[in-house]
Amino acid sequence: MNDGTTSAPDVDVVVVGAGVTGLYAVHRLRGLGLRVRGFERGDDVGGVWFWNRYPGARCDVESVDYSYSFDEELQQEWDWSEKYAAQPEILRYLGHVADRFGLRGAYSFGTSVRSAELDEERLLWTVRTDRGETVTARFCVFALGCLSATHAPAIPGMADFAGTTHHTGAWPHEGVDFTGLRVGVLGTGSSGIQAVPLIAGQAAHLTVFQRSANYSVPAGNRPLDDAERARQKAGYAERRRLSRLSGGGSPHAAHPARTFEVPEEERRAAFEERWRLGGVLYSKTFPDQLTDRAANAAARAFWEEKVRAMVDDPAVADLLVPVDHPIGTKRIVTDSGYYATFNRPDVRLVGLRENPVERIEARGVRLADGTLVELDALVLATGFDAMTGAVDRIEVRGRGGRPLKEAWAAGPRTYLGLGTDGFPNLFHLAGAGSPSVMANVVLCAEQHVDWLAGCLRHLEAHGHRAMEAREEAVDGWVAECRDRAAATLFMEADSWYLGANIPGKPRVFMPFVGGLGVYGEIIAEVAEAGYEGFDLIG
């Protein structure tokens, strides 16, 4: 390893992150003959699935789809046990992939990247870690994950709590035993909704503190038998083809007609079918559901009818039904028994809009009306600084020493979600400016990494040292993402897609809403046009 003063870099590529995207990036780029070095702050592979070990943690994309497609033998050899795999099984799968392709050896685990600085003259990146290591590389690839920077709200008195506190995004690996305890869960996003039923099954009493009700649809989860797995594997080619053409990266297409182009009986049957499929797919029952308010209202009404039928107390149901955003404009949660949990006598729901948290005290949570909810344990299901939080943890400096945080001060600025002007040879994978969290992230990762591999081959074949997004291309893509979002109902929700859960964060819709298939066409056309919108340097 050199000290950064000689001309040759230590490696060709540094990959930051060992989740779904980072693992495939290491595999694919090593396959090009490149020297690749990976860094991962966790102690092993898995990314979000390494950290999120809370009770009930489960993917909301069907297991058969939430898996790599790049290797046919891998597809055929792995057997998923359930329709929607839980965290331990997904982590085992990613470990299997790492072992099968020898990926762990490329990584330094338990290592956080602190900074990445561009040497403008040599067009190399100097990467420094919290372990004092310095590595130079021609290319720097961020595969950081959109949901990897945990967020805890600044509630007065948090340090005074005498019980135990856990964040769902940094759950103890040994697990937590809530048996006989009075437990509070703060937050009812995906992690809270998934955790609540299982915590309720252990705790002596559970209090759920809800600021904003969310839409959730039962997963309809079930075991997979050998016959179904065989059918899935035999049909993988067509399933993957349809998934790549779709908006969300799964083979399920929306109804061919718009919501009110069909009679009520057919409309209800379509909603019923999506309810049966479970989870996030309900938001795409009809093609106009996220663009037309009346269509959205029809989907919402059917959903509300289903949920109220599951909750015994109408007053509790009133709290559980969202009134502040159209259905689907926050990602619909995929749950297992969430709503029925509130029928238990040992579970209480507190609506924080009506009765906010005043402060945390040694014995529990003090509410605005003076009530003290006494607790032995508090679970923070308060989510993430999504999309950009993990990037912000790294001090990235590009041309002229300009910090990336400064370049992104008004919101993430990318071209295609991949590059930013002033930061040559720095690539962002499956993050802001791409479908990422709005689609099956495994196929998003493959889409981005395959595009990057083609790009690096092109640079090598044509003798270019670097590539850099042009400022006007970045401006155009930022506008494209903004305008596409503005044409939908997504802007009506205070969601983490917009950074609305982080005080002071710019309100910018960060993902690309056009869908996986459309996005794939766009980046393919850019490549075919000689990487239009990028300057190819040297």
Protein backbone atom coordinates (compact mmCIF):
# COMPACT_ATOMS: atom_id res chain seq x y z
CA MET A 1 0.00 0.00 0.00
CA ASN A 2 1.35 3.45 -0.84
CA ASP A 3 1.01 6.72 1.05
CA GLY A 4 -0.77 8.57 -1.72
CA THR A 5 2.34 10.23 -3.18
CA THR A 6 3.14 7.76 -5.97
CA SER A 7 1.23 7.62 -9.23
CA ALA A 8 -0.26 4.13 -9.03
CA PRO A 9 -3.32 3.69 -6.83
CA ASP A 10 -3.50 0.91 -4.26
CA VAL A 11 -6.60 -0.54 -5.94
CA ASP A 12 -8.76 0.17 -8.93
CA VAL A 13 -12.05 0.44 -7.03
CA VAL A 14 -13.13 1.05 -3.45
CA VAL A 15 -16.64 -0.20 -2.68
CA VAL A 16 -18.24 1.13 0.50
CA GLY A 17 -20.94 -1.17 1.84
CA ALA A 18 -21.50 -4.93 1.98
CA GLY A 19 -25.25 -5.07 1.57
CA VAL A 20 -27.18 -6.30 -1.44
CA THR A 21 -25.67 -3.67 -3.75
CA GLY A 22 -22.12 -3.68 -2.46
CA LEU A 23 -21.76 -7.46 -2.64
CA TYR A 24 -22.84 -7.57 -6.26
CA ALA A 25 -20.58 -4.61 -7.10
CA VAL A 26 -17.55 -6.41 -5.68
CA HIS A 27 -18.41 -9.59 -7.59
CA ARG A 28 -19.14 -7.90 -10.90
CA LEU A 29 -16.18 -5.52 -10.88
CA ARG A 30 -13.73 -8.22 -9.84
CA GLY A 31 -15.05 -10.15 -12.81
CA LEU A 32 -13.70 -7.36 -15.03
CA GLY A 33 -10.23 -8.03 -13.69
CA LEU A 34 -10.26 -4.94 -11.46
CA ARG A 35 -8.61 -4.81 -8.06
CA VAL A 36 -11.46 -4.13 -5.64
CA ARG A 37 -11.34 -3.25 -1.95
CA GLY A 38 -14.45 -3.15 0.17
CA PHE A 39 -15.21 -1.52 3.52
CA GLU A 40 -18.19 -2.29 5.75
CA ARG A 41 -18.97 -0.79 9.16
CA GLY A 42 -20.81 -3.96 10.23
CA ASP A 43 -18.96 -7.05 11.36
CA ASP A 44 -20.18 -9.10 8.41
CA VAL A 45 -22.10 -8.85 5.15
CA GLY A 46 -25.79 -8.01 4.98
CA GLY A 47 -26.17 -4.23 5.12
CA VAL A 48 -29.63 -3.31 6.36
CA TRP A 49 -30.28 -6.99 7.13
CA PHE A 50 -27.19 -7.14 9.36
CA TRP A 51 -28.47 -4.32 11.56
CA ASN A 52 -32.27 -4.67 11.50
CA ARG A 53 -32.78 -7.74 13.70
CA TYR A 54 -35.83 -6.47 15.56
CA PRO A 55 -38.72 -8.90 16.15
CA GLY A 56 -40.75 -9.36 12.97
CA ALA A 57 -38.18 -7.83 10.59
CA ARG A 58 -39.24 -9.09 7.19
CA CYS A 59 -38.92 -8.05 3.55
CA ASP A 60 -41.99 -6.63 1.82
CA VAL A 61 -40.93 -8.04 -1.56
CA GLU A 62 -41.63 -11.72 -2.19
CA SER A 63 -38.57 -13.84 -1.44
CA VAL A 64 -38.46 -15.32 -4.93
CA ASP A 65 -38.08 -11.79 -6.31
CA TYR A 66 -35.90 -10.38 -3.54
CA SER A 67 -32.90 -12.37 -4.74
CA TYR A 68 -30.10 -12.05 -7.27
CA SER A 69 -30.75 -12.96 -10.89
CA PHE A 70 -27.17 -12.75 -12.18
CA ASP A 71 -26.33 -16.43 -11.69
CA GLU A 72 -28.68 -19.21 -12.76
CA GLU A 73 -27.09 -21.83 -10.51
CA LEU A 74 -27.57 -19.54 -7.52
CA GLN A 75 -31.24 -19.09 -8.42
CA GLN A 76 -31.76 -22.82 -8.68
CA GLU A 77 -29.84 -23.92 -5.60
CA TRP A 78 -31.32 -21.59 -3.00
CA ASP A 79 -34.63 -22.58 -1.40
CA TRP A 80 -36.74 -19.89 0.25
CA SER A 81 -38.88 -21.16 3.12
CA GLU A 82 -41.60 -18.48 3.01
CA LYS A 83 -43.38 -16.15 0.62
CA TYR A 84 -41.91 -13.18 2.52
CA ALA A 85 -38.59 -14.09 4.10
CA ALA A 86 -37.72 -12.87 7.58
CA GLN A 87 -34.44 -11.15 8.45
CA PRO A 88 -32.51 -14.25 9.60
CA GLU A 89 -33.21 -16.06 6.33
CA ILE A 90 -32.28 -13.06 4.18
CA LEU A 91 -29.04 -12.65 6.12
CA ARG A 92 -28.26 -16.36 5.63
CA TYR A 93 -28.90 -15.92 1.91
CA LEU A 94 -26.52 -12.96 1.62
CA GLY A 95 -23.93 -14.91 3.61
CA HIS A 96 -24.38 -17.81 1.22
CA VAL A 97 -23.82 -15.50 -1.75
CA ALA A 98 -20.70 -14.06 -0.11
CA ASP A 99 -19.32 -17.56 0.50
CA ARG A 100 -20.27 -18.93 -2.89
CA PHE A 101 -18.46 -16.14 -4.75
CA GLY A 102 -15.65 -15.56 -2.25
CA LEU A 103 -16.64 -11.97 -1.51
CA ARG A 104 -15.75 -11.64 2.15
CA GLY A 105 -12.04 -11.59 1.39
CA ALA A 106 -12.43 -8.28 -0.46
CA TYR A 107 -13.77 -6.53 2.65
CA SER A 108 -12.48 -4.98 5.83
CA PHE A 109 -15.36 -5.43 8.27
CA GLY A 110 -16.04 -3.39 11.37
CA THR A 111 -14.56 -0.48 9.47
CA SER A 112 -16.25 2.82 8.71
CA VAL A 113 -15.10 5.08 5.90
CA ARG A 114 -14.56 8.53 7.36
CA SER A 115 -13.54 10.46 4.26
CA ALA A 116 -13.04 10.25 0.51
CA GLU A 117 -11.01 13.03 -1.09
CA LEU A 118 -10.30 13.64 -4.75
CA ASP A 119 -6.73 14.21 -5.95
CA GLU A 120 -7.63 16.42 -8.91
CA GLU A 121 -4.28 16.19 -10.63
CA ARG A 122 -4.06 12.42 -10.55
CA LEU A 123 -7.83 11.81 -10.65
CA LEU A 124 -7.60 9.39 -7.75
CA TRP A 125 -9.68 9.05 -4.61
CA THR A 126 -8.03 8.84 -1.20
CA VAL A 127 -10.23 6.93 1.21
CA ARG A 128 -9.59 7.02 4.96
CA THR A 129 -11.19 4.81 7.59
CA ASP A 130 -11.83 5.01 11.32
CA ARG A 131 -9.09 2.42 11.78
CA GLY A 132 -6.42 4.74 10.44
CA GLU A 133 -6.14 3.05 7.07
CA THR A 134 -5.63 5.06 3.87
CA VAL A 135 -6.32 3.59 0.45
CA THR A 136 -6.08 5.24 -2.95
CA ALA A 137 -8.33 4.16 -5.79
CA ARG A 138 -9.23 5.25 -9.28
CA PHE A 139 -12.95 4.75 -8.68
CA CYS A 140 -14.98 5.18 -5.50
CA VAL A 141 -18.32 3.38 -5.36
CA PHE A 142 -20.86 4.16 -2.65
CA ALA A 143 -23.23 1.25 -2.01
CA LEU A 144 -24.32 2.67 1.31
CA GLY A 145 -27.99 1.77 1.38
CA CYS A 146 -30.91 4.17 1.63
CA LEU A 147 -32.01 2.97 5.07
CA SER A 148 -28.79 2.60 7.02
CA ALA A 149 -28.44 5.83 9.03
CA THR A 150 -30.72 5.42 12.04
CA HIS A 151 -32.69 8.41 13.34
CA ALA A 152 -33.71 9.01 16.93
CA PRO A 153 -35.89 12.03 17.71
CA ALA A 154 -34.58 14.65 20.13
CA ILE A 155 -37.02 14.10 22.99
CA PRO A 156 -36.17 15.87 26.25
CA GLY A 157 -35.05 13.56 29.03
CA MET A 158 -34.17 10.56 26.86
CA ALA A 159 -30.96 10.00 28.86
CA ASP A 160 -32.96 9.99 32.10
CA PHE A 161 -34.89 6.81 31.33
CA ALA A 162 -33.98 4.10 33.86
CA GLY A 163 -35.13 1.22 31.68
CA THR A 164 -33.55 -0.22 28.55
CA THR A 165 -33.78 1.54 25.18
CA HIS A 166 -33.32 -0.07 21.78
CA HIS A 167 -33.55 1.26 18.23
CA THR A 168 -35.04 -1.13 15.68
CA GLY A 169 -32.27 -0.22 13.20
CA ALA A 170 -29.49 -1.19 15.62
CA TRP A 171 -30.97 -4.19 17.37
CA PRO A 172 -28.79 -6.31 19.71
CA HIS A 173 -27.59 -9.44 17.93
CA GLU A 174 -28.40 -11.56 20.96
CA GLY A 175 -32.01 -10.36 20.85
CA VAL A 176 -34.11 -8.78 23.59
CA ASP A 177 -36.38 -10.61 26.03
CA PHE A 178 -39.44 -8.51 26.91
CA THR A 179 -41.11 -11.22 28.99
CA GLY A 180 -43.03 -9.71 31.88
CA LEU A 181 -42.01 -6.14 31.05
CA ARG A 182 -43.96 -2.96 30.43
CA VAL A 183 -42.82 -1.96 26.95
CA GLY A 184 -43.33 1.17 24.88
CA VAL A 185 -42.88 1.29 21.12
CA LEU A 186 -42.37 4.77 19.74
CA GLY A 187 -43.16 4.92 16.02
CA THR A 188 -45.49 3.11 13.67
CA GLY A 189 -43.59 2.99 10.41
CA SER A 190 -42.57 -0.32 8.89
CA SER A 191 -40.32 -1.46 11.73
CA GLY A 192 -42.82 -0.53 14.43
CA ILE A 193 -45.72 -2.18 12.65
CA GLN A 194 -43.72 -5.36 12.11
CA ALA A 195 -42.39 -5.48 15.68
CA VAL A 196 -45.55 -4.67 17.62
CA PRO A 197 -47.34 -8.05 17.30
CA LEU A 198 -44.31 -10.03 18.45
CA ILE A 199 -43.42 -7.69 21.29
CA ALA A 200 -47.05 -7.80 22.43
CA GLY A 201 -46.79 -11.58 22.58
CA GLN A 202 -43.96 -11.30 25.13
CA ALA A 203 -44.59 -8.16 27.15
CA ALA A 204 -46.77 -7.91 30.24
CA HIS A 205 -48.15 -4.72 28.72
CA LEU A 206 -47.40 -2.82 25.52
CA THR A 207 -48.03 0.84 24.79
CA VAL A 208 -47.73 1.95 21.17
CA PHE A 209 -47.03 5.65 20.70
CA GLN A 210 -48.25 6.70 17.26
CA ARG A 211 -47.52 10.11 15.76
CA SER A 212 -48.78 9.32 12.27
CA ALA A 213 -50.96 6.38 11.34
CA ASN A 214 -49.68 4.40 8.37
CA TYR A 215 -51.36 2.23 5.80
CA SER A 216 -50.50 -1.43 6.18
CA VAL A 217 -51.75 -4.50 4.36
CA PRO A 218 -51.43 -8.02 5.78
CA ALA A 219 -48.66 -10.00 4.13
CA GLY A 220 -50.67 -13.15 3.67
CA ASN A 221 -47.38 -14.86 4.39
CA ARG A 222 -47.15 -18.64 4.15
CA PRO A 223 -44.58 -21.41 3.88
CA LEU A 224 -43.41 -22.47 0.42
CA ASP A 225 -43.42 -26.18 -0.36
CA ASP A 226 -41.18 -28.06 -2.77
CA ALA A 227 -43.77 -28.04 -5.54
CA GLU A 228 -44.22 -24.27 -5.43
CA ARG A 229 -40.47 -23.67 -5.27
CA ALA A 230 -40.01 -25.92 -8.31
CA ARG A 231 -42.65 -23.94 -10.23
CA GLN A 232 -41.00 -20.66 -9.29
CA LYS A 233 -37.57 -21.83 -10.37
CA ALA A 234 -38.86 -23.21 -13.66
CA GLY A 235 -40.48 -19.86 -14.41
CA TYR A 236 -37.63 -17.62 -13.28
CA ALA A 237 -36.69 -16.36 -16.75
CA GLU A 238 -40.15 -14.98 -17.50
CA ARG A 239 -40.62 -13.74 -13.94
CA ARG A 240 -37.39 -11.75 -14.13
CA ARG A 241 -38.25 -10.38 -17.57
CA LEU A 242 -41.58 -9.06 -16.36
CA SER A 243 -40.00 -7.68 -13.18
CA ARG A 244 -37.40 -5.67 -15.10
CA LEU A 245 -40.12 -4.12 -17.27
CA SER A 246 -42.27 -3.22 -14.28
CA GLY A 247 -42.35 -0.16 -12.09
CA GLY A 248 -41.55 -1.90 -8.82
CA GLY A 249 -39.35 -4.81 -9.81
CA SER A 250 -41.91 -7.58 -9.37
CA PRO A 251 -43.85 -9.48 -12.06
CA HIS A 252 -47.26 -8.22 -10.98
CA ALA A 253 -48.82 -5.76 -13.43
CA ALA A 254 -51.49 -3.22 -12.55
CA HIS A 255 -55.03 -3.69 -13.83
CA PRO A 256 -55.06 -2.75 -17.53
CA ALA A 257 -57.88 -0.22 -17.09
CA ARG A 258 -58.08 2.90 -14.96
CA THR A 259 -59.98 2.79 -11.67
CA PHE A 260 -63.30 4.16 -12.89
CA GLU A 261 -63.16 2.60 -16.33
CA VAL A 262 -64.46 -0.64 -14.82
CA PRO A 263 -67.72 -1.36 -12.98
CA GLU A 264 -67.74 -1.36 -9.18
CA GLU A 265 -67.86 -5.16 -8.95
CA GLU A 266 -64.74 -5.52 -11.08
CA ARG A 267 -63.02 -2.73 -9.18
CA ARG A 268 -63.68 -4.38 -5.82
CA ALA A 269 -62.50 -7.72 -7.18
CA ALA A 270 -59.22 -6.11 -8.26
CA PHE A 271 -58.73 -4.55 -4.83
CA GLU A 272 -59.54 -7.89 -3.20
CA GLU A 273 -56.96 -9.66 -5.35
CA ARG A 274 -54.25 -7.14 -4.41
CA TRP A 275 -55.24 -7.38 -0.76
CA ARG A 276 -54.77 -11.13 -1.06
CA LEU A 277 -51.33 -10.70 -2.66
CA GLY A 278 -50.43 -8.60 0.35
CA GLY A 279 -48.38 -5.58 1.27
CA VAL A 280 -47.03 -2.82 -0.91
CA LEU A 281 -48.52 -4.21 -4.13
CA TYR A 282 -51.89 -2.84 -3.06
CA SER A 283 -50.73 0.67 -4.00
CA LYS A 284 -50.47 -0.41 -7.64
CA THR A 285 -53.84 -2.09 -8.11
CA PHE A 286 -54.82 0.41 -10.83
CA PRO A 287 -52.46 2.50 -12.95
CA ASP A 288 -53.96 5.85 -11.87
CA GLN A 289 -54.01 5.14 -8.15
CA LEU A 290 -51.09 7.43 -7.31
CA THR A 291 -51.94 10.19 -9.77
CA ASP A 292 -55.73 10.63 -9.48
CA ARG A 293 -57.27 11.67 -6.15
CA ALA A 294 -60.60 10.00 -6.80
CA ALA A 295 -58.91 6.74 -7.77
CA ASN A 296 -56.77 6.93 -4.65
CA ALA A 297 -59.86 7.58 -2.53
CA ALA A 298 -61.49 4.42 -3.89
CA ALA A 299 -58.44 2.34 -2.94
CA ARG A 300 -58.37 3.99 0.46
CA ALA A 301 -62.04 3.31 1.11
CA PHE A 302 -61.63 -0.40 0.39
CA TRP A 303 -58.55 -0.52 2.63
CA GLU A 304 -60.38 1.24 5.47
CA GLU A 305 -63.29 -1.16 5.21
CA LYS A 306 -60.90 -4.10 5.61
CA VAL A 307 -59.03 -2.59 8.54
CA ARG A 308 -62.08 -1.51 10.52
CA ALA A 309 -63.36 -5.07 10.26
CA MET A 310 -60.21 -6.27 12.06
CA VAL A 311 -60.30 -3.80 14.97
CA ASP A 312 -62.89 -4.30 17.70
CA ASP A 313 -62.90 -0.80 19.21
CA PRO A 314 -64.11 1.87 16.73
CA ALA A 315 -62.21 4.58 18.63
CA VAL A 316 -58.96 2.65 18.24
CA ALA A 317 -59.75 2.09 14.58
CA ASP A 318 -60.24 5.84 14.20
CA LEU A 319 -56.66 6.35 15.39
CA LEU A 320 -55.28 3.62 13.13
CA VAL A 321 -56.80 5.01 9.93
CA PRO A 322 -54.55 7.68 8.35
CA VAL A 323 -56.12 11.02 7.55
CA ASP A 324 -53.03 13.01 6.54
CA HIS A 325 -51.85 11.41 3.28
CA PRO A 326 -53.18 9.49 0.27
CA ILE A 327 -52.74 5.73 0.39
CA GLY A 328 -49.46 4.61 -1.13
CA THR A 329 -47.69 7.98 -0.90
CA LYS A 330 -45.79 6.53 2.02
CA ARG A 331 -44.65 2.99 1.34
CA ILE A 332 -47.46 0.67 2.39
CA VAL A 333 -46.28 -1.57 5.19
CA THR A 334 -46.50 -5.36 4.97
CA ASP A 335 -47.62 -6.71 8.35
CA SER A 336 -48.46 -9.94 10.14
CA GLY A 337 -51.25 -9.45 12.65
CA TYR A 338 -50.70 -5.76 13.36
CA TYR A 339 -54.29 -4.53 13.53
CA ALA A 340 -55.58 -7.50 15.50
CA THR A 341 -52.91 -6.80 18.13
CA PHE A 342 -54.93 -3.79 19.28
CA ASN A 343 -57.78 -6.09 20.27
CA ARG A 344 -55.63 -7.44 23.11
CA PRO A 345 -56.44 -6.12 26.61
CA ASP A 346 -52.73 -5.70 27.36
CA VAL A 347 -52.05 -3.37 24.39
CA ARG A 348 -52.76 0.36 24.39
CA LEU A 349 -52.54 2.83 21.50
CA VAL A 350 -51.62 6.46 22.25
CA GLY A 351 -52.20 9.03 19.53
CA LEU A 352 -49.41 11.57 19.83
CA ARG A 353 -51.09 14.15 17.63
CA GLU A 354 -53.82 14.45 20.24
CA ASN A 355 -51.54 13.91 23.25
CA PRO A 356 -47.85 14.47 22.43
CA VAL A 357 -44.85 13.22 24.38
CA GLU A 358 -43.77 15.96 26.78
CA ARG A 359 -40.55 14.30 27.91
CA ILE A 360 -38.93 11.02 28.90
CA GLU A 361 -38.50 10.47 32.62
CA ALA A 362 -36.75 7.82 34.67
CA ARG A 363 -39.94 5.79 35.05
CA GLY A 364 -41.38 6.23 31.56
CA VAL A 365 -42.99 8.62 29.11
CA ARG A 366 -44.72 11.80 30.28
CA LEU A 367 -47.50 12.93 27.95
CA ALA A 368 -48.75 16.47 27.39
CA ASP A 369 -51.90 15.85 29.44
CA GLY A 370 -49.72 14.99 32.45
CA THR A 371 -50.12 11.23 32.24
CA LEU A 372 -47.01 9.17 33.02
CA VAL A 373 -46.86 5.90 31.05
CA GLU A 374 -44.62 3.75 33.23
CA LEU A 375 -42.24 1.54 31.26
CA ASP A 376 -39.42 -0.94 31.77
CA ALA A 377 -38.26 -0.85 28.16
CA LEU A 378 -38.57 1.60 25.27
CA VAL A 379 -38.25 0.66 21.60
CA LEU A 380 -37.46 3.47 19.18
CA ALA A 381 -39.03 2.48 15.86
CA THR A 382 -38.25 5.95 14.55
CA GLY A 383 -36.69 5.06 11.24
CA PHE A 384 -33.80 6.51 9.32
CA ASP A 385 -32.24 9.60 7.85
CA ALA A 386 -33.14 8.02 4.55
CA MET A 387 -31.48 8.23 1.15
CA THR A 388 -28.70 10.68 2.05
CA GLY A 389 -28.00 10.08 5.74
CA ALA A 390 -25.34 7.44 5.16
CA VAL A 391 -23.61 9.64 2.57
CA ASP A 392 -23.60 12.58 4.97
CA ARG A 393 -21.63 10.54 7.52
CA ILE A 394 -18.64 10.51 5.15
CA GLU A 395 -16.60 13.64 4.49
CA VAL A 396 -16.48 13.62 0.69
CA ARG A 397 -14.49 16.31 -1.10
CA GLY A 398 -14.36 16.73 -4.87
CA ARG A 399 -12.87 19.32 -7.19
CA GLY A 400 -11.39 22.29 -5.38
CA GLY A 401 -11.93 20.50 -2.09
CA ARG A 402 -15.68 21.16 -2.30
CA PRO A 403 -17.63 19.03 0.20
CA LEU A 404 -20.40 16.85 -1.20
CA LYS A 405 -22.56 18.06 1.69
CA GLU A 406 -22.23 21.56 0.28
CA ALA A 407 -23.07 20.41 -3.24
CA TRP A 408 -26.13 18.61 -1.85
CA ALA A 409 -27.13 21.30 0.66
CA ALA A 410 -30.48 21.89 -1.08
CA GLY A 411 -31.04 18.18 -1.69
CA PRO A 412 -29.19 15.39 -3.50
CA ARG A 413 -27.85 16.44 -6.91
CA THR A 414 -27.12 13.57 -9.24
CA TYR A 415 -27.26 12.64 -12.88
CA LEU A 416 -29.26 9.41 -13.16
CA GLY A 417 -28.64 8.87 -9.44
CA LEU A 418 -25.14 7.77 -10.43
CA GLY A 419 -22.79 10.76 -10.59
CA THR A 420 -22.46 14.38 -9.45
CA ASP A 421 -20.68 17.23 -11.22
CA GLY A 422 -17.40 18.06 -9.52
CA PHE A 423 -16.93 14.50 -8.30
CA PRO A 424 -15.37 12.46 -11.14
CA ASN A 425 -15.20 8.67 -10.77
CA LEU A 426 -17.46 8.74 -7.71
CA PHE A 427 -20.55 6.59 -8.24
CA HIS A 428 -23.67 6.29 -6.09
CA LEU A 429 -25.52 3.00 -6.45
CA ALA A 430 -29.23 2.38 -5.76
CA GLY A 431 -29.70 5.66 -3.90
CA ALA A 432 -31.18 9.10 -4.42
CA GLY A 433 -32.12 9.94 -8.00
CA SER A 434 -32.83 6.31 -8.90
CA PRO A 435 -35.80 3.95 -8.27
CA SER A 436 -34.03 2.45 -5.21
CA VAL A 437 -36.54 2.40 -2.33
CA MET A 438 -39.52 2.54 -4.69
CA ALA A 439 -38.67 -0.81 -6.27
CA ASN A 440 -37.15 -4.22 -5.57
CA VAL A 441 -33.70 -3.10 -4.47
CA VAL A 442 -32.00 -6.34 -5.56
CA LEU A 443 -32.92 -5.75 -9.19
CA CYS A 444 -32.13 -2.04 -8.76
CA ALA A 445 -28.67 -3.04 -7.55
CA GLU A 446 -28.10 -5.35 -10.50
CA GLN A 447 -29.32 -2.68 -12.90
CA HIS A 448 -26.90 -0.07 -11.53
CA VAL A 449 -23.91 -2.36 -11.12
CA ASP A 450 -24.29 -3.82 -14.61
CA TRP A 451 -24.48 -0.29 -16.03
CA LEU A 452 -21.35 0.68 -14.06
CA ALA A 453 -19.49 -2.39 -15.29
CA GLY A 454 -20.31 -1.47 -18.89
CA CYS A 455 -19.21 2.09 -18.21
CA LEU A 456 -15.83 1.04 -16.80
CA ARG A 457 -15.26 -1.28 -19.76
CA HIS A 458 -15.99 1.64 -22.06
CA LEU A 459 -13.50 3.89 -20.28
CA GLU A 460 -10.82 1.23 -20.51
CA ALA A 461 -11.50 0.48 -24.16
CA HIS A 462 -11.27 4.15 -25.13
CA GLY A 463 -8.35 5.09 -22.90
CA HIS A 464 -10.25 7.44 -20.63
CA ARG A 465 -9.01 8.05 -17.09
CA ALA A 466 -12.26 9.30 -15.65
CA MET A 467 -15.85 10.31 -16.20
CA GLU A 468 -17.79 13.13 -14.61
CA ALA A 469 -21.42 14.16 -14.80
CA ARG A 470 -21.91 17.55 -16.45
CA GLU A 471 -23.55 20.27 -14.42
CA GLU A 472 -26.32 20.78 -16.95
CA ALA A 473 -27.03 17.02 -16.96
CA VAL A 474 -27.32 17.04 -13.18
CA ASP A 475 -29.61 20.07 -13.31
CA GLY A 476 -31.76 18.33 -15.89
CA TRP A 477 -32.04 15.10 -13.91
CA VAL A 478 -32.88 16.91 -10.67
CA ALA A 479 -35.67 18.68 -12.56
CA GLU A 480 -36.79 15.40 -14.15
CA CYS A 481 -37.10 13.69 -10.76
CA ARG A 482 -38.86 16.72 -9.28
CA ASP A 483 -41.33 17.06 -12.14
CA ARG A 484 -42.19 13.36 -12.20
CA ALA A 485 -42.90 13.42 -8.47
CA ALA A 486 -44.96 16.61 -8.81
CA ALA A 487 -47.24 14.87 -11.30
CA THR A 488 -48.19 12.32 -8.62
CA LEU A 489 -49.79 12.39 -5.18
CA PHE A 490 -46.45 11.62 -3.48
CA MET A 491 -45.83 15.28 -2.70
CA GLU A 492 -48.92 15.33 -0.45
CA ALA A 493 -47.31 13.12 2.20
CA ASP A 494 -44.74 14.12 4.81
CA SER A 495 -42.68 11.04 4.03
CA TRP A 496 -39.05 10.08 4.39
CA TYR A 497 -38.97 10.06 0.58
CA LEU A 498 -38.98 13.84 1.07
CA GLY A 499 -36.79 13.84 4.18
CA ALA A 500 -39.79 15.16 6.15
CA ASN A 501 -38.91 13.04 9.22
CA ILE A 502 -35.57 14.84 9.73
CA PRO A 503 -35.74 18.37 11.20
CA GLY A 504 -34.07 20.90 8.90
CA LYS A 505 -33.61 18.53 5.98
CA PRO A 506 -34.50 20.06 2.59
CA ARG A 507 -37.94 18.98 1.39
CA VAL A 508 -36.94 17.33 -1.88
CA PHE A 509 -38.46 14.16 -3.30
CA MET A 510 -35.34 12.01 -3.53
CA PRO A 511 -36.15 8.81 -5.47
CA PHE A 512 -37.02 8.52 -9.18
CA VAL A 513 -40.74 7.71 -9.40
CA GLY A 514 -40.87 6.64 -13.04
CA GLY A 515 -40.28 2.98 -12.24
CA LEU A 516 -37.57 0.38 -12.68
CA GLY A 517 -38.40 -0.41 -16.31
CA VAL A 518 -38.52 3.20 -17.50
CA TYR A 519 -35.36 4.04 -15.59
CA GLY A 520 -33.58 1.05 -17.15
CA GLU A 521 -34.46 2.31 -20.60
CA ILE A 522 -33.14 5.78 -19.78
CA ILE A 523 -29.75 4.67 -18.49
CA ALA A 524 -29.37 2.19 -21.38
CA GLU A 525 -29.98 5.00 -23.88
CA VAL A 526 -27.38 7.15 -22.11
CA ALA A 527 -24.81 4.36 -22.43
CA GLU A 528 -25.67 3.68 -26.06
CA ALA A 529 -25.15 7.38 -26.83
CA GLY A 530 -21.58 7.20 -25.56
CA TYR A 531 -22.51 8.13 -21.98
CA GLU A 532 -24.29 11.30 -22.94
CA GLY A 533 -24.34 13.81 -20.10
CA PHE A 534 -20.93 12.73 -18.81
CA ASP A 535 -17.54 14.18 -19.66
CA LEU A 536 -15.10 11.39 -20.52
CA ILE A 537 -11.70 12.61 -19.40
CA GLY A 538 -8.23 11.77 -20.70
